[in-house]
Amino acid sequence: MALKAEIPFNQILTVVKTLSPSQKEQLKAVLSEPKSISKKQSDLTKLLLSGPVFSKKQIDVIKQNRKSINQWRTKK
């Protein structure tokens, strides 16, 4: 579970300044780690990016169908 708190930047800076040199190094190491993407999110991204896409011709057909439907609806 993640906990989010609204802490002013100045307060964070004050706390960081009071850390010992070894704690500062530890903090620096944690902050410089690349964010890991969860496997679930990565799989979803991969699935979406490898999914089917419309061709230009299919998009044109869809646009034409929408135009025809809109014309039909306004003829009443």
PDB file of N, CA and C in Angstrom:
ATOM      1  N   MET A   1       0.843  -1.162   0.000  1.00  0.00           N
ATOM      2  CA  MET A   1       0.000   0.000   0.000  1.00  0.00           C
ATOM      3  C   MET A   1       0.898   1.239   0.000  1.00  0.00           C
ATOM      4  N   ALA A   2       0.558   2.207  -0.818  1.00  0.00           N
ATOM      5  CA  ALA A   2       1.335   3.435  -0.896  1.00  0.00           C
ATOM      6  C   ALA A   2       0.664   4.514  -0.054  1.00  0.00           C
ATOM      7  N   LEU A   3       1.478   5.291   0.604  1.00  0.00           N
ATOM      8  CA  LEU A   3       0.980   6.380   1.423  1.00  0.00           C
ATOM      9  C   LEU A   3       1.469   7.680   0.818  1.00  0.00           C
ATOM     10  N   LYS A   4       0.552   8.570   0.548  1.00  0.00           N
ATOM     11  CA  LYS A   4       0.933   9.861  -0.024  1.00  0.00           C
ATOM     12  C   LYS A   4       0.644  10.944   0.996  1.00  0.00           C
ATOM     13  N   ALA A   5       1.616  11.847   1.157  1.00  0.00           N
ATOM     14  CA  ALA A   5       1.448  12.953   2.087  1.00  0.00           C
ATOM     15  C   ALA A   5       1.916  14.234   1.423  1.00  0.00           C
ATOM     16  N   GLU A   6       1.235  15.300   1.716  1.00  0.00           N
ATOM     17  CA  GLU A   6       1.610  16.601   1.188  1.00  0.00           C
ATOM     18  C   GLU A   6       2.587  17.261   2.162  1.00  0.00           C
ATOM     19  N   ILE A   7       3.871  17.176   1.855  1.00  0.00           N
ATOM     20  CA  ILE A   7       4.899  17.762   2.704  1.00  0.00           C
ATOM     21  C   ILE A   7       5.593  18.853   1.889  1.00  0.00           C
ATOM     22  N   PRO A   8       5.682  20.058   2.427  1.00  0.00           N
ATOM     23  CA  PRO A   8       6.348  21.135   1.695  1.00  0.00           C
ATOM     24  C   PRO A   8       7.810  20.784   1.389  1.00  0.00           C
ATOM     25  N   PHE A   9       8.268  21.229   0.243  1.00  0.00           N
ATOM     26  CA  PHE A   9       9.624  20.933  -0.203  1.00  0.00           C
ATOM     27  C   PHE A   9      10.664  21.405   0.813  1.00  0.00           C
ATOM     28  N   ASN A  10      10.448  22.559   1.405  1.00  0.00           N
ATOM     29  CA  ASN A  10      11.409  23.093   2.379  1.00  0.00           C
ATOM     30  C   ASN A  10      11.571  22.158   3.579  1.00  0.00           C
ATOM     31  N   GLN A  11      10.483  21.541   4.001  1.00  0.00           N
ATOM     32  CA  GLN A  11      10.559  20.597   5.116  1.00  0.00           C
ATOM     33  C   GLN A  11      11.380  19.368   4.720  1.00  0.00           C
ATOM     34  N   ILE A  12      11.160  18.878   3.527  1.00  0.00           N
ATOM     35  CA  ILE A  12      11.929  17.723   3.045  1.00  0.00           C
ATOM     36  C   ILE A  12      13.406  18.077   2.972  1.00  0.00           C
ATOM     37  N   LEU A  13      13.693  19.249   2.457  1.00  0.00           N
ATOM     38  CA  LEU A  13      15.080  19.697   2.339  1.00  0.00           C
ATOM     39  C   LEU A  13      15.740  19.793   3.709  1.00  0.00           C
ATOM     40  N   THR A  14      15.037  20.291   4.696  1.00  0.00           N
ATOM     41  CA  THR A  14      15.564  20.391   6.051  1.00  0.00           C
ATOM     42  C   THR A  14      15.878  19.001   6.612  1.00  0.00           C
ATOM     43  N   VAL A  15      14.988  18.060   6.381  1.00  0.00           N
ATOM     44  CA  VAL A  15      15.207  16.696   6.876  1.00  0.00           C
ATOM     45  C   VAL A  15      16.409  16.075   6.188  1.00  0.00           C
ATOM     46  N   VAL A  16      16.531  16.266   4.881  1.00  0.00           N
ATOM     47  CA  VAL A  16      17.655  15.688   4.131  1.00  0.00           C
ATOM     48  C   VAL A  16      18.974  16.268   4.627  1.00  0.00           C
ATOM     49  N   LYS A  17      18.983  17.556   4.936  1.00  0.00           N
ATOM     50  CA  LYS A  17      20.212  18.194   5.424  1.00  0.00           C
ATOM     51  C   LYS A  17      20.643  17.647   6.777  1.00  0.00           C
ATOM     52  N   THR A  18      19.701  17.118   7.556  1.00  0.00           N
ATOM     53  CA  THR A  18      20.056  16.593   8.879  1.00  0.00           C
ATOM     54  C   THR A  18      20.523  15.136   8.827  1.00  0.00           C
ATOM     55  N   LEU A  19      20.465  14.504   7.654  1.00  0.00           N
ATOM     56  CA  LEU A  19      20.906  13.109   7.543  1.00  0.00           C
ATOM     57  C   LEU A  19      22.422  13.001   7.663  1.00  0.00           C
ATOM     58  N   SER A  20      22.865  11.862   8.137  1.00  0.00           N
ATOM     59  CA  SER A  20      24.303  11.603   8.210  1.00  0.00           C
ATOM     60  C   SER A  20      24.814  11.331   6.787  1.00  0.00           C
ATOM     61  N   PRO A  21      26.119  11.436   6.560  1.00  0.00           N
ATOM     62  CA  PRO A  21      26.661  11.186   5.223  1.00  0.00           C
ATOM     63  C   PRO A  21      26.312   9.797   4.677  1.00  0.00           C
ATOM     64  N   SER A  22      26.320   8.788   5.542  1.00  0.00           N
ATOM     65  CA  SER A  22      25.973   7.439   5.059  1.00  0.00           C
ATOM     66  C   SER A  22      24.494   7.351   4.682  1.00  0.00           C
ATOM     67  N   GLN A  23      23.636   8.042   5.437  1.00  0.00           N
ATOM     68  CA  GLN A  23      22.216   8.054   5.115  1.00  0.00           C
ATOM     69  C   GLN A  23      21.962   8.817   3.817  1.00  0.00           C
ATOM     70  N   LYS A  24      22.751   9.888   3.599  1.00  0.00           N
ATOM     71  CA  LYS A  24      22.621  10.651   2.352  1.00  0.00           C
ATOM     72  C   LYS A  24      23.008   9.793   1.157  1.00  0.00           C
ATOM     73  N   GLU A  25      24.065   8.993   1.309  1.00  0.00           N
ATOM     74  CA  GLU A  25      24.486   8.093   0.235  1.00  0.00           C
ATOM     75  C   GLU A  25      23.408   7.049  -0.045  1.00  0.00           C
ATOM     76  N   GLN A  26      22.813   6.552   1.019  1.00  0.00           N
ATOM     77  CA  GLN A  26      21.753   5.560   0.878  1.00  0.00           C
ATOM     78  C   GLN A  26      20.547   6.177   0.161  1.00  0.00           C
ATOM     79  N   LEU A  27      20.190   7.388   0.545  1.00  0.00           N
ATOM     80  CA  LEU A  27      19.081   8.094  -0.097  1.00  0.00           C
ATOM     81  C   LEU A  27      19.387   8.339  -1.573  1.00  0.00           C
ATOM     82  N   LYS A  28      20.616   8.752  -1.844  1.00  0.00           N
ATOM     83  CA  LYS A  28      21.037   9.011  -3.223  1.00  0.00           C
ATOM     84  C   LYS A  28      20.929   7.743  -4.068  1.00  0.00           C
ATOM     85  N   ALA A  29      21.334   6.605  -3.504  1.00  0.00           N
ATOM     86  CA  ALA A  29      21.272   5.332  -4.220  1.00  0.00           C
ATOM     87  C   ALA A  29      19.825   4.950  -4.521  1.00  0.00           C
ATOM     88  N   VAL A  30      18.952   5.148  -3.551  1.00  0.00           N
ATOM     89  CA  VAL A  30      17.540   4.803  -3.741  1.00  0.00           C
ATOM     90  C   VAL A  30      16.916   5.705  -4.802  1.00  0.00           C
ATOM     91  N   LEU A  31      17.241   6.988  -4.772  1.00  0.00           N
ATOM     92  CA  LEU A  31      16.657   7.923  -5.727  1.00  0.00           C
ATOM     93  C   LEU A  31      17.192   7.733  -7.146  1.00  0.00           C
ATOM     94  N   SER A  32      18.396   7.231  -7.276  1.00  0.00           N
ATOM     95  CA  SER A  32      18.980   7.066  -8.603  1.00  0.00           C
ATOM     96  C   SER A  32      18.615   5.736  -9.258  1.00  0.00           C
ATOM     97  N   GLU A  33      17.960   4.826  -8.515  1.00  0.00           N
ATOM     98  CA  GLU A  33      17.523   3.562  -9.091  1.00  0.00           C
ATOM     99  C   GLU A  33      16.439   3.833 -10.125  1.00  0.00           C
ATOM    100  N   PRO A  34      16.530   3.153 -11.265  1.00  0.00           N
ATOM    101  CA  PRO A  34      15.460   3.332 -12.251  1.00  0.00           C
ATOM    102  C   PRO A  34      14.161   2.740 -11.727  1.00  0.00           C
ATOM    103  N   LYS A  35      13.069   3.386 -12.076  1.00  0.00           N
ATOM    104  CA  LYS A  35      11.773   2.886 -11.644  1.00  0.00           C
ATOM    105  C   LYS A  35      11.510   1.560 -12.329  1.00  0.00           C
ATOM    106  N   SER A  36      11.105   0.599 -11.560  1.00  0.00           N
ATOM    107  CA  SER A  36      10.787  -0.700 -12.147  1.00  0.00           C
ATOM    108  C   SER A  36       9.306  -0.729 -12.507  1.00  0.00           C
ATOM    109  N   ILE A  37       9.045  -1.177 -13.706  1.00  0.00           N
ATOM    110  CA  ILE A  37       7.669  -1.293 -14.165  1.00  0.00           C
ATOM    111  C   ILE A  37       7.194  -2.687 -13.796  1.00  0.00           C
ATOM    112  N   SER A  38       6.048  -2.753 -13.232  1.00  0.00           N
ATOM    113  CA  SER A  38       5.541  -4.063 -12.834  1.00  0.00           C
ATOM    114  C   SER A  38       5.367  -4.944 -14.064  1.00  0.00           C
ATOM    115  N   LYS A  39       5.553  -6.231 -13.886  1.00  0.00           N
ATOM    116  CA  LYS A  39       5.449  -7.179 -14.999  1.00  0.00           C
ATOM    117  C   LYS A  39       4.061  -7.127 -15.615  1.00  0.00           C
ATOM    118  N   LYS A  40       3.050  -6.963 -14.778  1.00  0.00           N
ATOM    119  CA  LYS A  40       1.681  -6.901 -15.273  1.00  0.00           C
ATOM    120  C   LYS A  40       1.501  -5.716 -16.218  1.00  0.00           C
ATOM    121  N   GLN A  41       2.012  -4.559 -15.833  1.00  0.00           N
ATOM    122  CA  GLN A  41       1.891  -3.368 -16.654  1.00  0.00           C
ATOM    123  C   GLN A  41       2.703  -3.537 -17.937  1.00  0.00           C
ATOM    124  N   SER A  42       3.878  -4.143 -17.823  1.00  0.00           N
ATOM    125  CA  SER A  42       4.726  -4.361 -18.974  1.00  0.00           C
ATOM    126  C   SER A  42       4.050  -5.296 -19.973  1.00  0.00           C
ATOM    127  N   ASP A  43       3.419  -6.355 -19.470  1.00  0.00           N
ATOM    128  CA  ASP A  43       2.710  -7.288 -20.340  1.00  0.00           C
ATOM    129  C   ASP A  43       1.545  -6.598 -21.043  1.00  0.00           C
ATOM    130  N   LEU A  44       0.820  -5.771 -20.317  1.00  0.00           N
ATOM    131  CA  LEU A  44      -0.305  -5.048 -20.916  1.00  0.00           C
ATOM    132  C   LEU A  44       0.196  -4.105 -22.000  1.00  0.00           C
ATOM    133  N   THR A  45       1.266  -3.395 -21.729  1.00  0.00           N
ATOM    134  CA  THR A  45       1.828  -2.481 -22.715  1.00  0.00           C
ATOM    135  C   THR A  45       2.256  -3.232 -23.964  1.00  0.00           C
ATOM    136  N   LYS A  46       2.918  -4.356 -23.763  1.00  0.00           N
ATOM    137  CA  LYS A  46       3.370  -5.166 -24.890  1.00  0.00           C
ATOM    138  C   LYS A  46       2.175  -5.659 -25.709  1.00  0.00           C
ATOM    139  N   LEU A  47       1.120  -6.096 -25.026  1.00  0.00           N
ATOM    140  CA  LEU A  47      -0.073  -6.577 -25.704  1.00  0.00           C
ATOM    141  C   LEU A  47      -0.723  -5.469 -26.533  1.00  0.00           C
ATOM    142  N   LEU A  48      -0.859  -4.297 -25.935  1.00  0.00           N
ATOM    143  CA  LEU A  48      -1.505  -3.189 -26.642  1.00  0.00           C
ATOM    144  C   LEU A  48      -0.684  -2.725 -27.844  1.00  0.00           C
ATOM    145  N   LEU A  49       0.630  -2.699 -27.689  1.00  0.00           N
ATOM    146  CA  LEU A  49       1.480  -2.241 -28.785  1.00  0.00           C
ATOM    147  C   LEU A  49       1.555  -3.249 -29.921  1.00  0.00           C
ATOM    148  N   SER A  50       1.318  -4.520 -29.627  1.00  0.00           N
ATOM    149  CA  SER A  50       1.381  -5.529 -30.679  1.00  0.00           C
ATOM    150  C   SER A  50       0.001  -5.852 -31.246  1.00  0.00           C
ATOM    151  N   GLY A  51      -1.015  -5.142 -30.807  1.00  0.00           N
ATOM    152  CA  GLY A  51      -2.373  -5.412 -31.252  1.00  0.00           C
ATOM    153  C   GLY A  51      -2.627  -4.925 -32.665  1.00  0.00           C
ATOM    154  N   PRO A  52      -3.798  -5.262 -33.200  1.00  0.00           N
ATOM    155  CA  PRO A  52      -4.131  -4.857 -34.570  1.00  0.00           C
ATOM    156  C   PRO A  52      -4.378  -3.353 -34.653  1.00  0.00           C
ATOM    157  N   VAL A  53      -4.120  -2.810 -35.825  1.00  0.00           N
ATOM    158  CA  VAL A  53      -4.364  -1.390 -36.078  1.00  0.00           C
ATOM    159  C   VAL A  53      -5.152  -1.259 -37.385  1.00  0.00           C
ATOM    160  N   PHE A  54      -5.880  -0.175 -37.516  1.00  0.00           N
ATOM    161  CA  PHE A  54      -6.641   0.075 -38.732  1.00  0.00           C
ATOM    162  C   PHE A  54      -5.718   0.570 -39.835  1.00  0.00           C
ATOM    163  N   SER A  55      -6.031   0.154 -41.042  1.00  0.00           N
ATOM    164  CA  SER A  55      -5.303   0.680 -42.193  1.00  0.00           C
ATOM    165  C   SER A  55      -5.943   2.008 -42.587  1.00  0.00           C
ATOM    166  N   LYS A  56      -5.288   2.737 -43.439  1.00  0.00           N
ATOM    167  CA  LYS A  56      -5.809   4.023 -43.905  1.00  0.00           C
ATOM    168  C   LYS A  56      -7.142   3.812 -44.622  1.00  0.00           C
ATOM    169  N   LYS A  57      -7.238   2.737 -45.395  1.00  0.00           N
ATOM    170  CA  LYS A  57      -8.463   2.443 -46.130  1.00  0.00           C
ATOM    171  C   LYS A  57      -9.613   2.164 -45.164  1.00  0.00           C
ATOM    172  N   GLN A  58      -9.358   1.404 -44.113  1.00  0.00           N
ATOM    173  CA  GLN A  58     -10.397   1.094 -43.130  1.00  0.00           C
ATOM    174  C   GLN A  58     -10.864   2.351 -42.409  1.00  0.00           C
ATOM    175  N   ILE A  59      -9.949   3.232 -42.100  1.00  0.00           N
ATOM    176  CA  ILE A  59     -10.310   4.495 -41.429  1.00  0.00           C
ATOM    177  C   ILE A  59     -11.186   5.342 -42.339  1.00  0.00           C
ATOM    178  N   ASP A  60     -10.848   5.374 -43.636  1.00  0.00           N
ATOM    179  CA  ASP A  60     -11.663   6.130 -44.595  1.00  0.00           C
ATOM    180  C   ASP A  60     -13.074   5.557 -44.694  1.00  0.00           C
ATOM    181  N   VAL A  61     -13.197   4.229 -44.674  1.00  0.00           N
ATOM    182  CA  VAL A  61     -14.515   3.588 -44.724  1.00  0.00           C
ATOM    183  C   VAL A  61     -15.315   3.958 -43.477  1.00  0.00           C
ATOM    184  N   ILE A  62     -14.685   3.933 -42.318  1.00  0.00           N
ATOM    185  CA  ILE A  62     -15.365   4.300 -41.070  1.00  0.00           C
ATOM    186  C   ILE A  62     -15.845   5.746 -41.122  1.00  0.00           C
ATOM    187  N   LYS A  63     -14.979   6.641 -41.608  1.00  0.00           N
ATOM    188  CA  LYS A  63     -15.378   8.054 -41.725  1.00  0.00           C
ATOM    189  C   LYS A  63     -16.576   8.210 -42.653  1.00  0.00           C
ATOM    190  N   GLN A  64     -16.556   7.510 -43.782  1.00  0.00           N
ATOM    191  CA  GLN A  64     -17.656   7.589 -44.736  1.00  0.00           C
ATOM    192  C   GLN A  64     -18.944   7.047 -44.125  1.00  0.00           C
ATOM    193  N   ASN A  65     -18.838   5.935 -43.387  1.00  0.00           N
ATOM    194  CA  ASN A  65     -20.019   5.369 -42.725  1.00  0.00           C
ATOM    195  C   ASN A  65     -20.586   6.326 -41.695  1.00  0.00           C
ATOM    196  N   ARG A  66     -19.733   6.961 -40.921  1.00  0.00           N
ATOM    197  CA  ARG A  66     -20.208   7.940 -39.930  1.00  0.00           C
ATOM    198  C   ARG A  66     -20.923   9.101 -40.610  1.00  0.00           C
ATOM    199  N   LYS A  67     -20.329   9.549 -41.726  1.00  0.00           N
ATOM    200  CA  LYS A  67     -20.919  10.664 -42.470  1.00  0.00           C
ATOM    201  C   LYS A  67     -22.294  10.268 -42.988  1.00  0.00           C
ATOM    202  N   SER A  68     -22.424   9.057 -43.524  1.00  0.00           N
ATOM    203  CA  SER A  68     -23.705   8.574 -44.050  1.00  0.00           C
ATOM    204  C   SER A  68     -24.738   8.441 -42.936  1.00  0.00           C
ATOM    205  N   ILE A  69     -24.327   7.900 -41.794  1.00  0.00           N
ATOM    206  CA  ILE A  69     -25.254   7.747 -40.672  1.00  0.00           C
ATOM    207  C   ILE A  69     -25.725   9.112 -40.183  1.00  0.00           C
ATOM    208  N   ASN A  70     -24.818  10.069 -40.093  1.00  0.00           N
ATOM    209  CA  ASN A  70     -25.191  11.413 -39.632  1.00  0.00           C
ATOM    210  C   ASN A  70     -26.154  12.079 -40.613  1.00  0.00           C
ATOM    211  N   GLN A  71     -25.945  11.878 -41.900  1.00  0.00           N
ATOM    212  CA  GLN A  71     -26.853  12.445 -42.895  1.00  0.00           C
ATOM    213  C   GLN A  71     -28.238  11.800 -42.787  1.00  0.00           C
ATOM    214  N   TRP A  72     -28.272  10.483 -42.570  1.00  0.00           N
ATOM    215  CA  TRP A  72     -29.521   9.765 -42.445  1.00  0.00           C
ATOM    216  C   TRP A  72     -30.302  10.236 -41.214  1.00  0.00           C
ATOM    217  N   ARG A  73     -29.562  10.475 -40.107  1.00  0.00           N
ATOM    218  CA  ARG A  73     -30.221  10.894 -38.871  1.00  0.00           C
ATOM    219  C   ARG A  73     -30.811  12.288 -38.987  1.00  0.00           C
ATOM    220  N   THR A  74     -30.218  13.167 -39.795  1.00  0.00           N
ATOM    221  CA  THR A  74     -30.690  14.552 -39.880  1.00  0.00           C
ATOM    222  C   THR A  74     -31.756  14.739 -40.958  1.00  0.00           C
ATOM    223  N   LYS A  75     -32.078  13.699 -41.752  1.00  0.00           N
ATOM    224  CA  LYS A  75     -33.085  13.821 -42.812  1.00  0.00           C
ATOM    225  C   LYS A  75     -34.505  13.817 -42.279  1.00  0.00           C
ATOM    226  N   LYS A  76     -34.713  13.391 -41.054  1.00  0.00           N
ATOM    227  CA  LYS A  76     -36.085  13.292 -40.489  1.00  0.00           C
ATOM    228  C   LYS A  76     -36.769  14.564 -40.545  1.00  0.00           C
TER     229      LYS A  76
END
